[in-house]
Amino acid sequence: MGIVKISDGMHENLRTASVALSRSINAQAEHWMRLGMLAELYPDLDHRELSRLLIRAEQQGGLDIGRLCALPAEPPLPHAAGEN
């Protein structure tokens, strides 16, 4: 574990999001870091697909960048009828 220094503004954003989403500030920061890491590794995936990738990574032992890079990204799911 380490200490990460962030700006006061980002800390306030974390505080607001953590309360709204019933997470600790640390859990919210880690969630955003995970999504950001995945977004950089898989820039063509949308939020839904990144969330599925997070779940698949967890099922395979957790989010480890070495294993994560070896996971194939799932192709986008087709939209349901009538969904835009």
PDB file of N, CA and C in Angstrom:
ATOM      1  N   MET A   1       0.855  -1.163   0.000  1.00  0.00           N
ATOM      2  CA  MET A   1       0.000   0.000   0.000  1.00  0.00           C
ATOM      3  C   MET A   1       0.899   1.223   0.000  1.00  0.00           C
ATOM      4  N   GLY A   2       0.451   2.267  -0.643  1.00  0.00           N
ATOM      5  CA  GLY A   2       1.208   3.501  -0.707  1.00  0.00           C
ATOM      6  C   GLY A   2       0.302   4.703  -0.578  1.00  0.00           C
ATOM      7  N   ILE A   3       0.931   5.839  -0.595  1.00  0.00           N
ATOM      8  CA  ILE A   3       0.192   7.098  -0.520  1.00  0.00           C
ATOM      9  C   ILE A   3       0.240   7.756  -1.888  1.00  0.00           C
ATOM     10  N   VAL A   4      -0.910   8.182  -2.363  1.00  0.00           N
ATOM     11  CA  VAL A   4      -1.005   8.883  -3.636  1.00  0.00           C
ATOM     12  C   VAL A   4      -1.508  10.286  -3.336  1.00  0.00           C
ATOM     13  N   LYS A   5      -0.765  11.275  -3.775  1.00  0.00           N
ATOM     14  CA  LYS A   5      -1.186  12.654  -3.554  1.00  0.00           C
ATOM     15  C   LYS A   5      -2.026  13.109  -4.743  1.00  0.00           C
ATOM     16  N   ILE A   6      -3.174  13.685  -4.430  1.00  0.00           N
ATOM     17  CA  ILE A   6      -4.058  14.201  -5.469  1.00  0.00           C
ATOM     18  C   ILE A   6      -4.448  15.627  -5.113  1.00  0.00           C
ATOM     19  N   SER A   7      -4.975  16.330  -6.073  1.00  0.00           N
ATOM     20  CA  SER A   7      -5.384  17.714  -5.846  1.00  0.00           C
ATOM     21  C   SER A   7      -6.586  17.784  -4.916  1.00  0.00           C
ATOM     22  N   ASP A   8      -6.761  18.935  -4.306  1.00  0.00           N
ATOM     23  CA  ASP A   8      -7.919  19.140  -3.434  1.00  0.00           C
ATOM     24  C   ASP A   8      -9.227  18.989  -4.205  1.00  0.00           C
ATOM     25  N   GLY A   9      -9.236  19.474  -5.452  1.00  0.00           N
ATOM     26  CA  GLY A   9     -10.447  19.360  -6.269  1.00  0.00           C
ATOM     27  C   GLY A   9     -10.815  17.914  -6.566  1.00  0.00           C
ATOM     28  N   MET A  10      -9.806  17.102  -6.892  1.00  0.00           N
ATOM     29  CA  MET A  10     -10.082  15.695  -7.162  1.00  0.00           C
ATOM     30  C   MET A  10     -10.519  14.986  -5.887  1.00  0.00           C
ATOM     31  N   HIS A  11      -9.932  15.363  -4.760  1.00  0.00           N
ATOM     32  CA  HIS A  11     -10.345  14.747  -3.491  1.00  0.00           C
ATOM     33  C   HIS A  11     -11.806  15.070  -3.208  1.00  0.00           C
ATOM     34  N   GLU A  12     -12.223  16.283  -3.497  1.00  0.00           N
ATOM     35  CA  GLU A  12     -13.630  16.652  -3.285  1.00  0.00           C
ATOM     36  C   GLU A  12     -14.529  15.870  -4.245  1.00  0.00           C
ATOM     37  N   ASN A  13     -14.076  15.681  -5.487  1.00  0.00           N
ATOM     38  CA  ASN A  13     -14.843  14.863  -6.440  1.00  0.00           C
ATOM     39  C   ASN A  13     -14.982  13.436  -5.925  1.00  0.00           C
ATOM     40  N   LEU A  14     -13.891  12.890  -5.385  1.00  0.00           N
ATOM     41  CA  LEU A  14     -13.930  11.538  -4.810  1.00  0.00           C
ATOM     42  C   LEU A  14     -14.900  11.467  -3.643  1.00  0.00           C
ATOM     43  N   ARG A  15     -14.846  12.473  -2.785  1.00  0.00           N
ATOM     44  CA  ARG A  15     -15.733  12.496  -1.618  1.00  0.00           C
ATOM     45  C   ARG A  15     -17.200  12.503  -2.070  1.00  0.00           C
ATOM     46  N   THR A  16     -17.517  13.351  -3.025  1.00  0.00           N
ATOM     47  CA  THR A  16     -18.896  13.452  -3.516  1.00  0.00           C
ATOM     48  C   THR A  16     -19.350  12.134  -4.148  1.00  0.00           C
ATOM     49  N   ALA A  17     -18.523  11.577  -5.029  1.00  0.00           N
ATOM     50  CA  ALA A  17     -18.885  10.323  -5.696  1.00  0.00           C
ATOM     51  C   ALA A  17     -18.981   9.171  -4.703  1.00  0.00           C
ATOM     52  N   SER A  18     -18.084   9.150  -3.722  1.00  0.00           N
ATOM     53  CA  SER A  18     -18.103   8.039  -2.762  1.00  0.00           C
ATOM     54  C   SER A  18     -19.376   8.045  -1.931  1.00  0.00           C
ATOM     55  N   VAL A  19     -19.832   9.222  -1.556  1.00  0.00           N
ATOM     56  CA  VAL A  19     -21.083   9.306  -0.797  1.00  0.00           C
ATOM     57  C   VAL A  19     -22.252   8.887  -1.683  1.00  0.00           C
ATOM     58  N   ALA A  20     -22.281   9.407  -2.909  1.00  0.00           N
ATOM     59  CA  ALA A  20     -23.385   9.109  -3.826  1.00  0.00           C
ATOM     60  C   ALA A  20     -23.456   7.619  -4.164  1.00  0.00           C
ATOM     61  N   LEU A  21     -22.310   6.964  -4.241  1.00  0.00           N
ATOM     62  CA  LEU A  21     -22.272   5.569  -4.667  1.00  0.00           C
ATOM     63  C   LEU A  21     -22.023   4.591  -3.525  1.00  0.00           C
ATOM     64  N   SER A  22     -22.115   5.084  -2.298  1.00  0.00           N
ATOM     65  CA  SER A  22     -21.968   4.249  -1.087  1.00  0.00           C
ATOM     66  C   SER A  22     -20.657   3.472  -1.069  1.00  0.00           C
ATOM     67  N   ARG A  23     -19.572   4.162  -1.397  1.00  0.00           N
ATOM     68  CA  ARG A  23     -18.233   3.577  -1.339  1.00  0.00           C
ATOM     69  C   ARG A  23     -17.379   4.440  -0.428  1.00  0.00           C
ATOM     70  N   SER A  24     -16.309   3.851   0.085  1.00  0.00           N
ATOM     71  CA  SER A  24     -15.334   4.674   0.797  1.00  0.00           C
ATOM     72  C   SER A  24     -14.595   5.534  -0.236  1.00  0.00           C
ATOM     73  N   ILE A  25     -13.941   6.574   0.225  1.00  0.00           N
ATOM     74  CA  ILE A  25     -13.176   7.418  -0.687  1.00  0.00           C
ATOM     75  C   ILE A  25     -12.099   6.585  -1.372  1.00  0.00           C
ATOM     76  N   ASN A  26     -11.421   5.723  -0.616  1.00  0.00           N
ATOM     77  CA  ASN A  26     -10.381   4.877  -1.207  1.00  0.00           C
ATOM     78  C   ASN A  26     -10.961   3.912  -2.236  1.00  0.00           C
ATOM     79  N   ALA A  27     -12.119   3.324  -1.930  1.00  0.00           N
ATOM     80  CA  ALA A  27     -12.751   2.399  -2.874  1.00  0.00           C
ATOM     81  C   ALA A  27     -13.165   3.132  -4.144  1.00  0.00           C
ATOM     82  N   GLN A  28     -13.660   4.357  -4.017  1.00  0.00           N
ATOM     83  CA  GLN A  28     -14.047   5.135  -5.196  1.00  0.00           C
ATOM     84  C   GLN A  28     -12.825   5.467  -6.039  1.00  0.00           C
ATOM     85  N   ALA A  29     -11.737   5.870  -5.390  1.00  0.00           N
ATOM     86  CA  ALA A  29     -10.507   6.187  -6.122  1.00  0.00           C
ATOM     87  C   ALA A  29     -10.001   4.951  -6.866  1.00  0.00           C
ATOM     88  N   GLU A  30     -10.014   3.804  -6.199  1.00  0.00           N
ATOM     89  CA  GLU A  30      -9.544   2.579  -6.843  1.00  0.00           C
ATOM     90  C   GLU A  30     -10.449   2.204  -8.014  1.00  0.00           C
ATOM     91  N   HIS A  31     -11.744   2.384  -7.857  1.00  0.00           N
ATOM     92  CA  HIS A  31     -12.682   2.090  -8.949  1.00  0.00           C
ATOM     93  C   HIS A  31     -12.357   2.954 -10.165  1.00  0.00           C
ATOM     94  N   TRP A  32     -12.167   4.257  -9.938  1.00  0.00           N
ATOM     95  CA  TRP A  32     -11.829   5.140 -11.055  1.00  0.00           C
ATOM     96  C   TRP A  32     -10.487   4.787 -11.668  1.00  0.00           C
ATOM     97  N   MET A  33      -9.520   4.383 -10.852  1.00  0.00           N
ATOM     98  CA  MET A  33      -8.213   3.997 -11.391  1.00  0.00           C
ATOM     99  C   MET A  33      -8.330   2.740 -12.243  1.00  0.00           C
ATOM    100  N   ARG A  34      -9.128   1.789 -11.787  1.00  0.00           N
ATOM    101  CA  ARG A  34      -9.320   0.560 -12.568  1.00  0.00           C
ATOM    102  C   ARG A  34      -9.957   0.873 -13.914  1.00  0.00           C
ATOM    103  N   LEU A  35     -11.021   1.678 -13.899  1.00  0.00           N
ATOM    104  CA  LEU A  35     -11.679   2.030 -15.160  1.00  0.00           C
ATOM    105  C   LEU A  35     -10.740   2.796 -16.075  1.00  0.00           C
ATOM    106  N   GLY A  36      -9.959   3.705 -15.508  1.00  0.00           N
ATOM    107  CA  GLY A  36      -9.010   4.473 -16.314  1.00  0.00           C
ATOM    108  C   GLY A  36      -7.947   3.587 -16.936  1.00  0.00           C
ATOM    109  N   MET A  37      -7.437   2.636 -16.164  1.00  0.00           N
ATOM    110  CA  MET A  37      -6.432   1.716 -16.675  1.00  0.00           C
ATOM    111  C   MET A  37      -7.019   0.893 -17.822  1.00  0.00           C
ATOM    112  N   LEU A  38      -8.226   0.390 -17.620  1.00  0.00           N
ATOM    113  CA  LEU A  38      -8.870  -0.396 -18.673  1.00  0.00           C
ATOM    114  C   LEU A  38      -9.159   0.450 -19.907  1.00  0.00           C
ATOM    115  N   ALA A  39      -9.586   1.696 -19.699  1.00  0.00           N
ATOM    116  CA  ALA A  39      -9.881   2.572 -20.834  1.00  0.00           C
ATOM    117  C   ALA A  39      -8.630   2.841 -21.658  1.00  0.00           C
ATOM    118  N   GLU A  40      -7.472   2.923 -20.994  1.00  0.00           N
ATOM    119  CA  GLU A  40      -6.235   3.113 -21.742  1.00  0.00           C
ATOM    120  C   GLU A  40      -5.810   1.832 -22.471  1.00  0.00           C
ATOM    121  N   LEU A  41      -6.026   0.690 -21.841  1.00  0.00           N
ATOM    122  CA  LEU A  41      -5.652  -0.578 -22.473  1.00  0.00           C
ATOM    123  C   LEU A  41      -6.613  -0.980 -23.589  1.00  0.00           C
ATOM    124  N   TYR A  42      -7.885  -0.616 -23.445  1.00  0.00           N
ATOM    125  CA  TYR A  42      -8.931  -0.990 -24.402  1.00  0.00           C
ATOM    126  C   TYR A  42      -9.722   0.256 -24.816  1.00  0.00           C
ATOM    127  N   PRO A  43      -9.107   1.162 -25.582  1.00  0.00           N
ATOM    128  CA  PRO A  43      -9.766   2.438 -25.903  1.00  0.00           C
ATOM    129  C   PRO A  43     -11.035   2.313 -26.744  1.00  0.00           C
ATOM    130  N   ASP A  44     -11.243   1.176 -27.386  1.00  0.00           N
ATOM    131  CA  ASP A  44     -12.436   1.012 -28.223  1.00  0.00           C
ATOM    132  C   ASP A  44     -13.645   0.493 -27.453  1.00  0.00           C
ATOM    133  N   LEU A  45     -13.472   0.134 -26.170  1.00  0.00           N
ATOM    134  CA  LEU A  45     -14.584  -0.398 -25.394  1.00  0.00           C
ATOM    135  C   LEU A  45     -15.338   0.722 -24.693  1.00  0.00           C
ATOM    136  N   ASP A  46     -16.654   0.566 -24.573  1.00  0.00           N
ATOM    137  CA  ASP A  46     -17.450   1.550 -23.840  1.00  0.00           C
ATOM    138  C   ASP A  46     -17.538   1.142 -22.366  1.00  0.00           C
ATOM    139  N   HIS A  47     -18.211   1.941 -21.570  1.00  0.00           N
ATOM    140  CA  HIS A  47     -18.275   1.711 -20.130  1.00  0.00           C
ATOM    141  C   HIS A  47     -18.862   0.339 -19.798  1.00  0.00           C
ATOM    142  N   ARG A  48     -19.896  -0.046 -20.493  1.00  0.00           N
ATOM    143  CA  ARG A  48     -20.527  -1.346 -20.240  1.00  0.00           C
ATOM    144  C   ARG A  48     -19.535  -2.475 -20.496  1.00  0.00           C
ATOM    145  N   GLU A  49     -18.805  -2.382 -21.590  1.00  0.00           N
ATOM    146  CA  GLU A  49     -17.835  -3.421 -21.929  1.00  0.00           C
ATOM    147  C   GLU A  49     -16.660  -3.428 -20.939  1.00  0.00           C
ATOM    148  N   LEU A  50     -16.234  -2.251 -20.506  1.00  0.00           N
ATOM    149  CA  LEU A  50     -15.170  -2.175 -19.503  1.00  0.00           C
ATOM    150  C   LEU A  50     -15.628  -2.788 -18.188  1.00  0.00           C
ATOM    151  N   SER A  51     -16.879  -2.566 -17.823  1.00  0.00           N
ATOM    152  CA  SER A  51     -17.421  -3.151 -16.601  1.00  0.00           C
ATOM    153  C   SER A  51     -17.438  -4.669 -16.694  1.00  0.00           C
ATOM    154  N   ARG A  52     -17.820  -5.199 -17.841  1.00  0.00           N
ATOM    155  CA  ARG A  52     -17.805  -6.646 -18.043  1.00  0.00           C
ATOM    156  C   ARG A  52     -16.383  -7.186 -17.955  1.00  0.00           C
ATOM    157  N   LEU A  53     -15.423  -6.442 -18.498  1.00  0.00           N
ATOM    158  CA  LEU A  53     -14.029  -6.855 -18.435  1.00  0.00           C
ATOM    159  C   LEU A  53     -13.539  -6.873 -16.988  1.00  0.00           C
ATOM    160  N   LEU A  54     -13.949  -5.892 -16.194  1.00  0.00           N
ATOM    161  CA  LEU A  54     -13.610  -5.879 -14.766  1.00  0.00           C
ATOM    162  C   LEU A  54     -14.153  -7.120 -14.069  1.00  0.00           C
ATOM    163  N   ILE A  55     -15.376  -7.481 -14.377  1.00  0.00           N
ATOM    164  CA  ILE A  55     -15.983  -8.662 -13.761  1.00  0.00           C
ATOM    165  C   ILE A  55     -15.242  -9.924 -14.193  1.00  0.00           C
ATOM    166  N   ARG A  56     -14.934 -10.043 -15.476  1.00  0.00           N
ATOM    167  CA  ARG A  56     -14.202 -11.218 -15.955  1.00  0.00           C
ATOM    168  C   ARG A  56     -12.829 -11.303 -15.310  1.00  0.00           C
ATOM    169  N   ALA A  57     -12.147 -10.166 -15.172  1.00  0.00           N
ATOM    170  CA  ALA A  57     -10.827 -10.163 -14.533  1.00  0.00           C
ATOM    171  C   ALA A  57     -10.944 -10.626 -13.086  1.00  0.00           C
ATOM    172  N   GLU A  58     -11.970 -10.171 -12.389  1.00  0.00           N
ATOM    173  CA  GLU A  58     -12.176 -10.570 -10.991  1.00  0.00           C
ATOM    174  C   GLU A  58     -12.441 -12.068 -10.890  1.00  0.00           C
ATOM    175  N   GLN A  59     -13.211 -12.602 -11.818  1.00  0.00           N
ATOM    176  CA  GLN A  59     -13.494 -14.034 -11.825  1.00  0.00           C
ATOM    177  C   GLN A  59     -12.238 -14.858 -12.068  1.00  0.00           C
ATOM    178  N   GLN A  60     -11.250 -14.241 -12.690  1.00  0.00           N
ATOM    179  CA  GLN A  60     -10.008 -14.946 -12.993  1.00  0.00           C
ATOM    180  C   GLN A  60      -8.894 -14.595 -12.011  1.00  0.00           C
ATOM    181  N   GLY A  61      -9.267 -14.078 -10.843  1.00  0.00           N
ATOM    182  CA  GLY A  61      -8.273 -13.862  -9.801  1.00  0.00           C
ATOM    183  C   GLY A  61      -7.948 -12.422  -9.479  1.00  0.00           C
ATOM    184  N   GLY A  62      -8.615 -11.487 -10.097  1.00  0.00           N
ATOM    185  CA  GLY A  62      -8.387 -10.079  -9.764  1.00  0.00           C
ATOM    186  C   GLY A  62      -7.752  -9.321 -10.908  1.00  0.00           C
ATOM    187  N   LEU A  63      -7.718  -8.023 -10.737  1.00  0.00           N
ATOM    188  CA  LEU A  63      -7.220  -7.134 -11.782  1.00  0.00           C
ATOM    189  C   LEU A  63      -5.703  -7.017 -11.667  1.00  0.00           C
ATOM    190  N   ASP A  64      -5.015  -7.824 -12.419  1.00  0.00           N
ATOM    191  CA  ASP A  64      -3.556  -7.832 -12.478  1.00  0.00           C
ATOM    192  C   ASP A  64      -3.179  -7.438 -13.898  1.00  0.00           C
ATOM    193  N   ILE A  65      -2.359  -6.423 -14.052  1.00  0.00           N
ATOM    194  CA  ILE A  65      -2.094  -5.907 -15.395  1.00  0.00           C
ATOM    195  C   ILE A  65      -1.470  -6.960 -16.314  1.00  0.00           C
ATOM    196  N   GLY A  66      -0.654  -7.860 -15.764  1.00  0.00           N
ATOM    197  CA  GLY A  66      -0.073  -8.922 -16.581  1.00  0.00           C
ATOM    198  C   GLY A  66      -1.119  -9.869 -17.126  1.00  0.00           C
ATOM    199  N   ARG A  67      -2.026 -10.329 -16.250  1.00  0.00           N
ATOM    200  CA  ARG A  67      -3.108 -11.214 -16.700  1.00  0.00           C
ATOM    201  C   ARG A  67      -4.107 -10.446 -17.540  1.00  0.00           C
ATOM    202  N   LEU A  68      -4.362  -9.195 -17.169  1.00  0.00           N
ATOM    203  CA  LEU A  68      -5.349  -8.390 -17.876  1.00  0.00           C
ATOM    204  C   LEU A  68      -4.967  -8.224 -19.343  1.00  0.00           C
ATOM    205  N   CYS A  69      -3.719  -7.986 -19.607  1.00  0.00           N
ATOM    206  CA  CYS A  69      -3.284  -7.806 -20.996  1.00  0.00           C
ATOM    207  C   CYS A  69      -3.433  -9.084 -21.799  1.00  0.00           C
ATOM    208  N   ALA A  70      -3.492 -10.218 -21.125  1.00  0.00           N
ATOM    209  CA  ALA A  70      -3.661 -11.496 -21.813  1.00  0.00           C
ATOM    210  C   ALA A  70      -5.130 -11.830 -22.068  1.00  0.00           C
ATOM    211  N   LEU A  71      -6.071 -11.115 -21.413  1.00  0.00           N
ATOM    212  CA  LEU A  71      -7.495 -11.375 -21.603  1.00  0.00           C
ATOM    213  C   LEU A  71      -7.959 -10.806 -22.933  1.00  0.00           C
ATOM    214  N   PRO A  72      -8.659 -11.592 -23.747  1.00  0.00           N
ATOM    215  CA  PRO A  72      -9.213 -11.032 -24.968  1.00  0.00           C
ATOM    216  C   PRO A  72     -10.426 -10.158 -24.624  1.00  0.00           C
ATOM    217  N   ALA A  73     -10.530  -9.038 -25.282  1.00  0.00           N
ATOM    218  CA  ALA A  73     -11.700  -8.175 -25.088  1.00  0.00           C
ATOM    219  C   ALA A  73     -12.879  -8.794 -25.815  1.00  0.00           C
ATOM    220  N   GLU A  74     -14.007  -8.824 -25.162  1.00  0.00           N
ATOM    221  CA  GLU A  74     -15.206  -9.368 -25.808  1.00  0.00           C
ATOM    222  C   GLU A  74     -15.691  -8.371 -26.850  1.00  0.00           C
ATOM    223  N   PRO A  75     -16.226  -8.862 -27.966  1.00  0.00           N
ATOM    224  CA  PRO A  75     -16.799  -7.952 -28.948  1.00  0.00           C
ATOM    225  C   PRO A  75     -18.043  -7.279 -28.361  1.00  0.00           C
ATOM    226  N   PRO A  76     -18.358  -6.090 -28.846  1.00  0.00           N
ATOM    227  CA  PRO A  76     -19.552  -5.393 -28.340  1.00  0.00           C
ATOM    228  C   PRO A  76     -20.794  -6.253 -28.493  1.00  0.00           C
ATOM    229  N   LEU A  77     -21.677  -6.157 -27.518  1.00  0.00           N
ATOM    230  CA  LEU A  77     -22.939  -6.892 -27.576  1.00  0.00           C
ATOM    231  C   LEU A  77     -23.895  -6.179 -28.511  1.00  0.00           C
ATOM    232  N   PRO A  78     -24.719  -6.916 -29.251  1.00  0.00           N
ATOM    233  CA  PRO A  78     -25.710  -6.262 -30.115  1.00  0.00           C
ATOM    234  C   PRO A  78     -26.749  -5.553 -29.245  1.00  0.00           C
ATOM    235  N   HIS A  79     -27.225  -4.439 -29.738  1.00  0.00           N
ATOM    236  CA  HIS A  79     -28.269  -3.697 -29.019  1.00  0.00           C
ATOM    237  C   HIS A  79     -29.583  -4.458 -29.069  1.00  0.00           C
ATOM    238  N   ALA A  80     -30.315  -4.378 -27.970  1.00  0.00           N
ATOM    239  CA  ALA A  80     -31.640  -5.009 -27.928  1.00  0.00           C
ATOM    240  C   ALA A  80     -32.568  -4.270 -28.894  1.00  0.00           C
ATOM    241  N   ALA A  81     -33.585  -4.951 -29.350  1.00  0.00           N
ATOM    242  CA  ALA A  81     -34.550  -4.335 -30.266  1.00  0.00           C
ATOM    243  C   ALA A  81     -35.147  -3.078 -29.634  1.00  0.00           C
ATOM    244  N   GLY A  82     -35.130  -2.004 -30.385  1.00  0.00           N
ATOM    245  CA  GLY A  82     -35.699  -0.746 -29.925  1.00  0.00           C
ATOM    246  C   GLY A  82     -34.758   0.090 -29.090  1.00  0.00           C
ATOM    247  N   GLU A  83     -33.546  -0.425 -28.802  1.00  0.00           N
ATOM    248  CA  GLU A  83     -32.569   0.324 -28.020  1.00  0.00           C
ATOM    249  C   GLU A  83     -31.671   1.104 -28.960  1.00  0.00           C
ATOM    250  N   ASN A  84     -31.355   2.324 -28.630  1.00  0.00           N
ATOM    251  CA  ASN A  84     -30.484   3.150 -29.476  1.00  0.00           C
ATOM    252  C   ASN A  84     -29.051   3.039 -29.067  1.00  0.00           C
TER     253      ASN A  84
END
